[in-house]
Amino acid sequence: MIDECLMAEFRIRGDDCPLADASRAADAVVDVA
């Protein structure tokens, strides 16, 4: 549910939203793992 919210925020707000940064950070961690 939280992931879905982050994805929605990323699409709607883009780089203007702090959640977008958190989403990118999470994606980076997943990519490395």
N, C-alpha and C. Protein backbone atom coordinates (compact mmCIF):
# COMPACT_ATOMS: atom_id res chain seq x y z
N MET A 1 0.84 -1.20 0.00
CA MET A 1 0.00 0.00 0.00
C MET A 1 0.88 1.26 0.00
N ILE A 2 1.93 1.24 0.80
CA ILE A 2 2.83 2.39 0.85
C ILE A 2 3.54 2.55 -0.50
N ASP A 3 3.99 1.43 -1.08
CA ASP A 3 4.67 1.48 -2.37
C ASP A 3 3.75 2.07 -3.43
N GLU A 4 2.48 1.66 -3.42
CA GLU A 4 1.53 2.18 -4.40
C GLU A 4 1.38 3.69 -4.23
N CYS A 5 1.36 4.14 -2.99
CA CYS A 5 1.23 5.57 -2.70
C CYS A 5 2.45 6.32 -3.23
N LEU A 6 3.63 5.78 -3.00
CA LEU A 6 4.86 6.41 -3.48
C LEU A 6 4.85 6.50 -5.00
N MET A 7 4.43 5.41 -5.66
CA MET A 7 4.39 5.42 -7.11
C MET A 7 3.42 6.48 -7.61
N ALA A 8 2.27 6.59 -6.97
CA ALA A 8 1.28 7.59 -7.35
C ALA A 8 1.85 9.00 -7.16
N GLU A 9 2.51 9.23 -6.04
CA GLU A 9 3.10 10.54 -5.77
C GLU A 9 4.17 10.85 -6.81
N PHE A 10 4.97 9.85 -7.16
CA PHE A 10 6.04 10.05 -8.13
C PHE A 10 5.47 10.46 -9.48
N ARG A 11 4.41 9.80 -9.90
CA ARG A 11 3.80 10.11 -11.19
C ARG A 11 3.14 11.48 -11.18
N ILE A 12 2.49 11.81 -10.07
CA ILE A 12 1.73 13.06 -9.99
C ILE A 12 2.64 14.26 -9.75
N ARG A 13 3.52 14.15 -8.78
CA ARG A 13 4.32 15.29 -8.36
C ARG A 13 5.70 15.31 -9.01
N GLY A 14 6.21 14.15 -9.36
CA GLY A 14 7.54 14.09 -9.96
C GLY A 14 8.62 14.47 -8.94
N ASP A 15 9.63 15.18 -9.39
CA ASP A 15 10.76 15.55 -8.54
C ASP A 15 10.40 16.59 -7.49
N ASP A 16 9.23 17.20 -7.60
CA ASP A 16 8.83 18.23 -6.65
C ASP A 16 8.44 17.64 -5.30
N CYS A 17 8.19 16.33 -5.26
CA CYS A 17 7.71 15.70 -4.03
C CYS A 17 8.83 14.96 -3.32
N PRO A 18 9.02 15.18 -2.02
CA PRO A 18 10.04 14.47 -1.24
C PRO A 18 9.88 12.96 -1.35
N LEU A 19 8.64 12.49 -1.49
CA LEU A 19 8.40 11.05 -1.61
C LEU A 19 9.04 10.51 -2.88
N ALA A 20 9.17 11.34 -3.89
CA ALA A 20 9.81 10.90 -5.13
C ALA A 20 11.27 10.56 -4.85
N ASP A 21 11.93 11.38 -4.02
CA ASP A 21 13.31 11.11 -3.65
C ASP A 21 13.40 9.80 -2.88
N ALA A 22 12.47 9.58 -1.97
CA ALA A 22 12.46 8.35 -1.18
C ALA A 22 12.24 7.16 -2.10
N SER A 23 11.38 7.33 -3.08
CA SER A 23 11.09 6.26 -4.04
C SER A 23 12.35 5.93 -4.84
N ARG A 24 13.06 6.95 -5.30
CA ARG A 24 14.29 6.71 -6.06
C ARG A 24 15.33 6.02 -5.20
N ALA A 25 15.44 6.42 -3.94
CA ALA A 25 16.39 5.81 -3.03
C ALA A 25 16.06 4.34 -2.84
N ALA A 26 14.78 4.03 -2.68
CA ALA A 26 14.34 2.65 -2.51
C ALA A 26 14.66 1.85 -3.76
N ASP A 27 14.42 2.42 -4.93
CA ASP A 27 14.71 1.74 -6.19
C ASP A 27 16.20 1.45 -6.31
N ALA A 28 17.04 2.39 -5.88
CA ALA A 28 18.48 2.21 -5.96
C ALA A 28 18.91 1.04 -5.08
N VAL A 29 18.34 0.97 -3.89
CA VAL A 29 18.67 -0.12 -2.97
C VAL A 29 18.27 -1.45 -3.57
N VAL A 30 17.09 -1.50 -4.16
CA VAL A 30 16.60 -2.74 -4.77
C VAL A 30 17.49 -3.13 -5.94
N ASP A 31 17.90 -2.16 -6.74
CA ASP A 31 18.74 -2.45 -7.90
C ASP A 31 20.08 -3.03 -7.46
N VAL A 32 20.65 -2.47 -6.43
CA VAL A 32 21.95 -2.95 -5.93
C VAL A 32 21.80 -4.36 -5.38
N ALA A 33 20.68 -4.58 -4.66
CA ALA A 33 20.45 -5.91 -4.08
C ALA A 33 20.09 -6.87 -5.21
